Amino acid sequence: MIDKRLLSKRFSEHAKTYDAYANVQKNMAKQLVDLLPKKTPIMESIFLKLAAALVT
C-alpha cells in the first residue's frame, strides 16, 4: 500500500527541481522527434507542430 504521507513529503522535497527535469524531458522529446523521417511536406508539418508543442 502507498504511504500517502511519505509520498507527499517526498514530492514536496523535490518539487523545486521538477521544472529542471521537465525541461530535460522536453528537450529529449524534441531531439527524438527531429530524428524521425521527414519524407513528405505533410509529415514534416506534423513533426514540426509536435516538436513545437513539446518545447513550449
C-alpha atoms as a PDB file:
ATOM      1  CA  MET A   1       0.000   0.000   0.000  1.00  0.00           C
ATOM      2  CA  ILE A   2       1.187   3.535  -0.739  1.00  0.00           C
ATOM      3  CA  ASP A   3       2.065   5.688   2.254  1.00  0.00           C
ATOM      4  CA  LYS A   4       0.383   8.933   1.207  1.00  0.00           C
ATOM      5  CA  ARG A   5       2.139  10.988   3.872  1.00  0.00           C
ATOM      6  CA  LEU A   6       5.550   9.767   2.761  1.00  0.00           C
ATOM      7  CA  LEU A   7       4.671  10.297  -0.896  1.00  0.00           C
ATOM      8  CA  SER A   8       3.527  13.844  -0.165  1.00  0.00           C
ATOM      9  CA  LYS A   9       6.671  14.559   1.848  1.00  0.00           C
ATOM     10  CA  ARG A  10       8.999  13.272  -0.875  1.00  0.00           C
ATOM     11  CA  PHE A  11       7.117  15.068  -3.621  1.00  0.00           C
ATOM     12  CA  SER A  12       7.280  18.331  -1.665  1.00  0.00           C
ATOM     13  CA  GLU A  13      11.003  17.909  -1.053  1.00  0.00           C
ATOM     14  CA  HIS A  14      11.716  17.571  -4.781  1.00  0.00           C
ATOM     15  CA  ALA A  15       9.067  19.851  -6.257  1.00  0.00           C
ATOM     16  CA  LYS A  16      11.582  22.677  -6.651  1.00  0.00           C
ATOM     17  CA  THR A  17      13.632  20.590  -9.133  1.00  0.00           C
ATOM     18  CA  TYR A  18      10.648  19.437 -11.199  1.00  0.00           C
ATOM     19  CA  ASP A  19      10.931  22.195 -13.817  1.00  0.00           C
ATOM     20  CA  ALA A  20      14.604  21.463 -14.439  1.00  0.00           C
ATOM     21  CA  TYR A  21      13.865  17.816 -15.154  1.00  0.00           C
ATOM     22  CA  ALA A  22      10.751  18.671 -17.179  1.00  0.00           C
ATOM     23  CA  ASN A  23      12.915  20.795 -19.477  1.00  0.00           C
ATOM     24  CA  VAL A  24      15.346  17.909 -19.942  1.00  0.00           C
ATOM     25  CA  GLN A  25      12.429  15.639 -20.897  1.00  0.00           C
ATOM     26  CA  LYS A  26      11.038  18.200 -23.336  1.00  0.00           C
ATOM     27  CA  ASN A  27      14.420  18.673 -24.973  1.00  0.00           C
ATOM     28  CA  MET A  28      14.925  14.923 -25.313  1.00  0.00           C
ATOM     29  CA  ALA A  29      11.457  14.533 -26.842  1.00  0.00           C
ATOM     30  CA  LYS A  30      12.254  17.258 -29.377  1.00  0.00           C
ATOM     31  CA  GLN A  31      15.543  15.594 -30.293  1.00  0.00           C
ATOM     32  CA  LEU A  32      13.791  12.258 -30.793  1.00  0.00           C
ATOM     33  CA  VAL A  33      11.124  13.874 -32.974  1.00  0.00           C
ATOM     34  CA  ASP A  34      13.874  15.531 -35.009  1.00  0.00           C
ATOM     35  CA  LEU A  35      15.308  12.067 -35.735  1.00  0.00           C
ATOM     36  CA  LEU A  36      12.072  10.875 -37.329  1.00  0.00           C
ATOM     37  CA  PRO A  37      11.990  10.850 -41.125  1.00  0.00           C
ATOM     38  CA  LYS A  38      10.513  13.879 -42.847  1.00  0.00           C
ATOM     39  CA  LYS A  39       9.594  12.366 -46.211  1.00  0.00           C
ATOM     40  CA  THR A  40       6.563  14.429 -47.140  1.00  0.00           C
ATOM     41  CA  PRO A  41       5.516  18.029 -46.559  1.00  0.00           C
ATOM     42  CA  ILE A  42       2.536  16.828 -44.520  1.00  0.00           C
ATOM     43  CA  MET A  43       4.699  14.647 -42.283  1.00  0.00           C
ATOM     44  CA  GLU A  44       7.202  17.463 -41.838  1.00  0.00           C
ATOM     45  CA  SER A  45       4.408  19.831 -40.843  1.00  0.00           C
ATOM     46  CA  ILE A  46       3.073  17.348 -38.287  1.00  0.00           C
ATOM     47  CA  PHE A  47       6.522  16.754 -36.818  1.00  0.00           C
ATOM     48  CA  LEU A  48       7.256  20.477 -36.580  1.00  0.00           C
ATOM     49  CA  LYS A  49       3.967  21.133 -34.818  1.00  0.00           C
ATOM     50  CA  LEU A  50       4.574  18.262 -32.407  1.00  0.00           C
ATOM     51  CA  ALA A  51       8.118  19.423 -31.693  1.00  0.00           C
ATOM     52  CA  ALA A  52       6.908  22.985 -31.089  1.00  0.00           C
ATOM     53  CA  ALA A  53       4.226  21.738 -28.711  1.00  0.00           C
ATOM     54  CA  LEU A  54       6.758  19.696 -26.764  1.00  0.00           C
ATOM     55  CA  VAL A  55       9.152  22.621 -26.374  1.00  0.00           C
ATOM     56  CA  THR A  56       6.590  25.168 -25.219  1.00  0.00           C
END
